[in-house]
C-alpha atoms as a PDB file:
ATOM      1  CA  UNK A   1      17.347 -11.136  24.661  1.00  0.00           C
ATOM      2  CA  UNK A   2      17.586 -11.795  20.901  1.00  0.00           C
ATOM      3  CA  UNK A   3      15.368 -14.894  21.204  1.00  0.00           C
ATOM      4  CA  UNK A   4      12.768 -12.873  23.080  1.00  0.00           C
ATOM      5  CA  UNK A   5      12.891 -10.144  20.419  1.00  0.00           C
ATOM      6  CA  UNK A   6      12.560 -12.704  17.616  1.00  0.00           C
ATOM      7  CA  UNK A   7       9.517 -14.300  19.271  1.00  0.00           C
ATOM      8  CA  UNK A   8       7.896 -10.878  19.687  1.00  0.00           C
ATOM      9  CA  UNK A   9       8.417  -9.988  16.018  1.00  0.00           C
ATOM     10  CA  UNK A  10       7.214 -13.397  14.815  1.00  0.00           C
ATOM     11  CA  UNK A  11       4.064 -13.032  16.926  1.00  0.00           C
ATOM     12  CA  UNK A  12       3.307  -9.581  15.517  1.00  0.00           C
ATOM     13  CA  UNK A  13       3.679 -10.903  11.953  1.00  0.00           C
ATOM     14  CA  UNK A  14       1.672 -14.054  12.758  1.00  0.00           C
ATOM     15  CA  UNK A  15       4.627 -16.286  11.881  1.00  0.00           C
ATOM     16  CA  UNK A  16       5.278 -17.952  15.255  1.00  0.00           C
ATOM     17  CA  UNK A  17       4.616 -21.469  13.996  1.00  0.00           C
ATOM     18  CA  UNK A  18       7.105 -20.987  11.131  1.00  0.00           C
ATOM     19  CA  UNK A  19      10.067 -20.069  13.342  1.00  0.00           C
ATOM     20  CA  UNK A  20      12.130 -23.105  12.275  1.00  0.00           C
ATOM     21  CA  UNK A  21      11.216 -23.128   8.578  1.00  0.00           C
ATOM     22  CA  UNK A  22      13.708 -22.356   5.815  1.00  0.00           C
ATOM     23  CA  UNK A  23      12.879 -19.453   3.532  1.00  0.00           C
ATOM     24  CA  UNK A  24      12.192 -21.772   0.563  1.00  0.00           C
ATOM     25  CA  UNK A  25       9.562 -23.585   2.648  1.00  0.00           C
ATOM     26  CA  UNK A  26       7.262 -20.597   3.170  1.00  0.00           C
ATOM     27  CA  UNK A  27       4.846 -18.724   0.894  1.00  0.00           C
ATOM     28  CA  UNK A  28       5.532 -15.493  -0.974  1.00  0.00           C
ATOM     29  CA  UNK A  29       3.418 -13.511   1.478  1.00  0.00           C
ATOM     30  CA  UNK A  30       5.335 -14.977   4.396  1.00  0.00           C
ATOM     31  CA  UNK A  31       8.606 -14.062   2.689  1.00  0.00           C
ATOM     32  CA  UNK A  32       7.383 -10.460   2.426  1.00  0.00           C
ATOM     33  CA  UNK A  33       6.600 -10.444   6.161  1.00  0.00           C
ATOM     34  CA  UNK A  34      10.019 -11.954   6.954  1.00  0.00           C
ATOM     35  CA  UNK A  35      11.670  -9.176   4.925  1.00  0.00           C
ATOM     36  CA  UNK A  36       9.698  -6.616   6.918  1.00  0.00           C
ATOM     37  CA  UNK A  37      10.686  -8.279  10.203  1.00  0.00           C
ATOM     38  CA  UNK A  38      14.339  -8.159   9.190  1.00  0.00           C
ATOM     39  CA  UNK A  39      13.970  -4.411   8.642  1.00  0.00           C
ATOM     40  CA  UNK A  40      12.199  -4.001  11.998  1.00  0.00           C
ATOM     41  CA  UNK A  41      14.668  -6.140  13.957  1.00  0.00           C
ATOM     42  CA  UNK A  42      16.926  -3.167  14.694  1.00  0.00           C
ATOM     43  CA  UNK A  43      14.014  -1.045  16.020  1.00  0.00           C
ATOM     44  CA  UNK A  44      14.186   1.688  13.394  1.00  0.00           C
ATOM     45  CA  UNK A  45      12.452   4.986  14.052  1.00  0.00           C
ATOM     46  CA  UNK A  46      11.768   5.340  10.320  1.00  0.00           C
ATOM     47  CA  UNK A  47      11.241   2.551   7.797  1.00  0.00           C
ATOM     48  CA  UNK A  48      11.819   3.305   4.102  1.00  0.00           C
ATOM     49  CA  UNK A  49       9.969   1.001   1.693  1.00  0.00           C
ATOM     50  CA  UNK A  50      10.098   1.010  -2.097  1.00  0.00           C
ATOM     51  CA  UNK A  51       7.113  -0.893  -3.534  1.00  0.00           C
ATOM     52  CA  UNK A  52       7.231  -3.425  -0.661  1.00  0.00           C
ATOM     53  CA  UNK A  53       4.195  -5.323  -1.964  1.00  0.00           C
ATOM     54  CA  UNK A  54       4.800  -4.896  -5.667  1.00  0.00           C
ATOM     55  CA  UNK A  55       5.719  -8.523  -6.305  1.00  0.00           C
ATOM     56  CA  UNK A  56       2.575 -10.176  -4.925  1.00  0.00           C
ATOM     57  CA  UNK A  57      -0.869 -10.749  -6.418  1.00  0.00           C
ATOM     58  CA  UNK A  58      -3.916  -8.596  -5.632  1.00  0.00           C
ATOM     59  CA  UNK A  59      -5.389 -10.754  -2.850  1.00  0.00           C
ATOM     60  CA  UNK A  60      -2.030 -11.277  -1.168  1.00  0.00           C
ATOM     61  CA  UNK A  61      -1.300  -7.553  -1.476  1.00  0.00           C
ATOM     62  CA  UNK A  62      -4.506  -6.611   0.336  1.00  0.00           C
ATOM     63  CA  UNK A  63      -3.890  -9.181   3.067  1.00  0.00           C
ATOM     64  CA  UNK A  64      -0.294  -7.991   3.520  1.00  0.00           C
ATOM     65  CA  UNK A  65      -1.411  -4.357   3.624  1.00  0.00           C
ATOM     66  CA  UNK A  66      -3.602  -5.182   6.623  1.00  0.00           C
ATOM     67  CA  UNK A  67      -0.755  -7.058   8.317  1.00  0.00           C
ATOM     68  CA  UNK A  68       1.827  -4.393   7.461  1.00  0.00           C
ATOM     69  CA  UNK A  69      -0.437  -1.679   8.848  1.00  0.00           C
ATOM     70  CA  UNK A  70      -0.919  -3.751  12.013  1.00  0.00           C
ATOM     71  CA  UNK A  71       2.822  -4.323  12.448  1.00  0.00           C
ATOM     72  CA  UNK A  72       3.727  -0.666  11.899  1.00  0.00           C
ATOM     73  CA  UNK A  73       1.004   0.501  14.295  1.00  0.00           C
ATOM     74  CA  UNK A  74       2.066  -1.963  17.010  1.00  0.00           C
ATOM     75  CA  UNK A  75       5.750  -1.103  16.642  1.00  0.00           C
ATOM     76  CA  UNK A  76       4.968   2.628  16.323  1.00  0.00           C
ATOM     77  CA  UNK A  77       7.291   2.967  13.346  1.00  0.00           C
ATOM     78  CA  UNK A  78       7.069   5.924  10.997  1.00  0.00           C
ATOM     79  CA  UNK A  79       7.273   4.716   7.420  1.00  0.00           C
ATOM     80  CA  UNK A  80       7.870   6.286   4.060  1.00  0.00           C
ATOM     81  CA  UNK A  81       6.614   4.122   1.230  1.00  0.00           C
ATOM     82  CA  UNK A  82       6.921   4.542  -2.511  1.00  0.00           C
ATOM     83  CA  UNK A  83       3.973   3.055  -4.368  1.00  0.00           C
ATOM     84  CA  UNK A  84       2.234   3.466  -7.704  1.00  0.00           C
ATOM     85  CA  UNK A  85      -0.991   1.962  -6.351  1.00  0.00           C
ATOM     86  CA  UNK A  86      -3.633   4.595  -5.518  1.00  0.00           C
ATOM     87  CA  UNK A  87      -5.656   2.250  -3.298  1.00  0.00           C
ATOM     88  CA  UNK A  88      -2.537   1.176  -1.418  1.00  0.00           C
ATOM     89  CA  UNK A  89      -1.528   4.786  -0.825  1.00  0.00           C
ATOM     90  CA  UNK A  90      -4.939   5.626   0.690  1.00  0.00           C
ATOM     91  CA  UNK A  91      -5.059   2.430   2.748  1.00  0.00           C
ATOM     92  CA  UNK A  92      -1.532   2.632   4.144  1.00  0.00           C
ATOM     93  CA  UNK A  93      -0.889   6.357   4.458  1.00  0.00           C
ATOM     94  CA  UNK A  94      -1.743   9.262   6.694  1.00  0.00           C
ATOM     95  CA  UNK A  95      -0.198  11.559   4.105  1.00  0.00           C
ATOM     96  CA  UNK A  96       0.251  11.077   0.350  1.00  0.00           C
ATOM     97  CA  UNK A  97       2.690  13.154  -1.640  1.00  0.00           C
ATOM     98  CA  UNK A  98       2.198  12.936  -5.397  1.00  0.00           C
ATOM     99  CA  UNK A  99       5.355  13.709  -7.307  1.00  0.00           C
ATOM    100  CA  UNK A 100       5.900  14.563 -10.949  1.00  0.00           C
ATOM    101  CA  UNK A 101       7.965  12.461 -13.280  1.00  0.00           C
ATOM    102  CA  UNK A 102      10.245  15.410 -13.981  1.00  0.00           C
ATOM    103  CA  UNK A 103      12.737  15.902 -11.163  1.00  0.00           C
ATOM    104  CA  UNK A 104      10.359  14.845  -8.388  1.00  0.00           C
ATOM    105  CA  UNK A 105       8.400  18.089  -8.193  1.00  0.00           C
ATOM    106  CA  UNK A 106       5.606  17.862  -5.604  1.00  0.00           C
ATOM    107  CA  UNK A 107       2.243  18.061  -7.352  1.00  0.00           C
ATOM    108  CA  UNK A 108       0.023  17.409  -4.345  1.00  0.00           C
ATOM    109  CA  UNK A 109       0.423  16.908  -0.611  1.00  0.00           C
ATOM    110  CA  UNK A 110      -2.738  15.239   0.666  1.00  0.00           C
ATOM    111  CA  UNK A 111      -3.536  14.332   4.270  1.00  0.00           C
ATOM    112  CA  UNK A 112      -5.619  11.149   4.543  1.00  0.00           C
ATOM    113  CA  UNK A 113      -7.933  11.868   7.452  1.00  0.00           C
ATOM    114  CA  UNK A 114      -9.546   8.457   7.963  1.00  0.00           C
ATOM    115  CA  UNK A 115      -9.745   6.301  11.093  1.00  0.00           C
ATOM    116  CA  UNK A 116      -7.674   3.130  11.453  1.00  0.00           C
ATOM    117  CA  UNK A 117      -8.127   0.401  10.597  1.00  0.00           C
ATOM    118  CA  UNK A 118      -9.189   1.727   7.214  1.00  0.00           C
ATOM    119  CA  UNK A 119     -12.500   0.583   5.742  1.00  0.00           C
ATOM    120  CA  UNK A 120     -12.205   0.140   1.987  1.00  0.00           C
ATOM    121  CA  UNK A 121     -16.005   0.085   1.677  1.00  0.00           C
ATOM    122  CA  UNK A 122     -16.543   3.514   3.283  1.00  0.00           C
ATOM    123  CA  UNK A 123     -17.625   6.339   0.991  1.00  0.00           C
ATOM    124  CA  UNK A 124     -14.983   8.627   2.533  1.00  0.00           C
ATOM    125  CA  UNK A 125     -12.305   6.101   1.577  1.00  0.00           C
ATOM    126  CA  UNK A 126     -13.489   6.136  -2.043  1.00  0.00           C
ATOM    127  CA  UNK A 127     -13.529   9.936  -2.033  1.00  0.00           C
ATOM    128  CA  UNK A 128      -9.780   9.896  -1.331  1.00  0.00           C
ATOM    129  CA  UNK A 129      -9.169   7.259  -4.024  1.00  0.00           C
ATOM    130  CA  UNK A 130     -11.176   9.352  -6.498  1.00  0.00           C
ATOM    131  CA  UNK A 131      -9.359  12.546  -5.531  1.00  0.00           C
ATOM    132  CA  UNK A 132      -5.931  10.955  -5.989  1.00  0.00           C
ATOM    133  CA  UNK A 133      -7.039   9.442  -9.296  1.00  0.00           C
ATOM    134  CA  UNK A 134      -8.119  12.897 -10.496  1.00  0.00           C
ATOM    135  CA  UNK A 135      -4.807  14.404  -9.376  1.00  0.00           C
ATOM    136  CA  UNK A 136      -2.916  11.762 -11.359  1.00  0.00           C
ATOM    137  CA  UNK A 137      -5.126  12.214 -14.418  1.00  0.00           C
ATOM    138  CA  UNK A 138      -4.610  15.943 -14.371  1.00  0.00           C
ATOM    139  CA  UNK A 139      -0.847  15.508 -13.930  1.00  0.00           C
ATOM    140  CA  UNK A 140      -0.772  13.321 -17.030  1.00  0.00           C
ATOM    141  CA  UNK A 141      -2.980  15.528 -19.202  1.00  0.00           C
ATOM    142  CA  UNK A 142      -1.774  17.842 -21.882  1.00  0.00           C
ATOM    143  CA  UNK A 143       1.668  16.424 -22.567  1.00  0.00           C
ATOM    144  CA  UNK A 144       3.509  13.978 -24.747  1.00  0.00           C
ATOM    145  CA  UNK A 145       2.921  10.554 -23.257  1.00  0.00           C
ATOM    146  CA  UNK A 146       5.380   7.755 -22.769  1.00  0.00           C
ATOM    147  CA  UNK A 147       4.106   4.181 -22.967  1.00  0.00           C
ATOM    148  CA  UNK A 148       4.097   4.065 -19.170  1.00  0.00           C
ATOM    149  CA  UNK A 149       1.910   7.199 -19.090  1.00  0.00           C
ATOM    150  CA  UNK A 150      -0.498   5.578 -21.547  1.00  0.00           C
ATOM    151  CA  UNK A 151      -0.585   2.405 -19.449  1.00  0.00           C
ATOM    152  CA  UNK A 152      -1.380   4.437 -16.332  1.00  0.00           C
ATOM    153  CA  UNK A 153      -4.164   6.327 -18.106  1.00  0.00           C
ATOM    154  CA  UNK A 154      -5.611   3.050 -19.400  1.00  0.00           C
ATOM    155  CA  UNK A 155      -5.498   1.608 -15.875  1.00  0.00           C
ATOM    156  CA  UNK A 156      -7.330   4.685 -14.563  1.00  0.00           C
ATOM    157  CA  UNK A 157     -10.000   4.374 -17.274  1.00  0.00           C
ATOM    158  CA  UNK A 158     -10.499   0.702 -16.439  1.00  0.00           C
ATOM    159  CA  UNK A 159     -10.757   1.507 -12.714  1.00  0.00           C
ATOM    160  CA  UNK A 160     -13.359   4.188 -13.430  1.00  0.00           C
ATOM    161  CA  UNK A 161     -15.306   1.784 -15.646  1.00  0.00           C
ATOM    162  CA  UNK A 162     -15.190  -0.886 -12.932  1.00  0.00           C
ATOM    163  CA  UNK A 163     -16.414   1.632 -10.361  1.00  0.00           C
ATOM    164  CA  UNK A 164     -19.307   2.659 -12.636  1.00  0.00           C
ATOM    165  CA  UNK A 165     -20.283  -0.991 -13.081  1.00  0.00           C
ATOM    166  CA  UNK A 166     -20.152  -1.569  -9.321  1.00  0.00           C
ATOM    167  CA  UNK A 167     -22.335   1.476  -8.744  1.00  0.00           C
ATOM    168  CA  UNK A 168     -24.840   0.271 -11.344  1.00  0.00           C
ATOM    169  CA  UNK A 169     -24.869  -3.191  -9.795  1.00  0.00           C
ATOM    170  CA  UNK A 170     -25.373  -1.719  -6.317  1.00  0.00           C
ATOM    171  CA  UNK A 171     -28.272   0.363  -7.635  1.00  0.00           C
ATOM    172  CA  UNK A 172     -29.845  -2.688  -9.315  1.00  0.00           C
ATOM    173  CA  UNK A 173     -29.818  -4.725  -6.119  1.00  0.00           C
END
């Protein structure tokens, strides 16, 4: 029974051919999937994840988001994920709760009403990203900023600038 279960989980995570590999012999992305499989092995009804993709690069993160979404959908597992990545929250979530830095006060409770699989190129997708970005900007405005707050605001400015450039490039084509 355990062998059958292992094979099923490996197939879902697209790791079947790595069944007999040692952990040091596989890539960082594969290690992330193995960690997820370990959490799913006991058939949880709810999976709690704290920055599960925080330690991987941008391309790997996007690939793993697709695979993680696929795994959670196939296993029908409810998940609660902490992330500081606006795009990741829109891509992975049906509901995003934005919390304040002071005692976890809920600032916003936003339902993401987009079909799955999510299409990062859809205008509706970007509307949610923009809305969450605005919520975060407004939450950070008007106070004394820590260095982390300043870093977040700088990241938001850079993301807005990048979006403006992309829009200009799309209009020039």
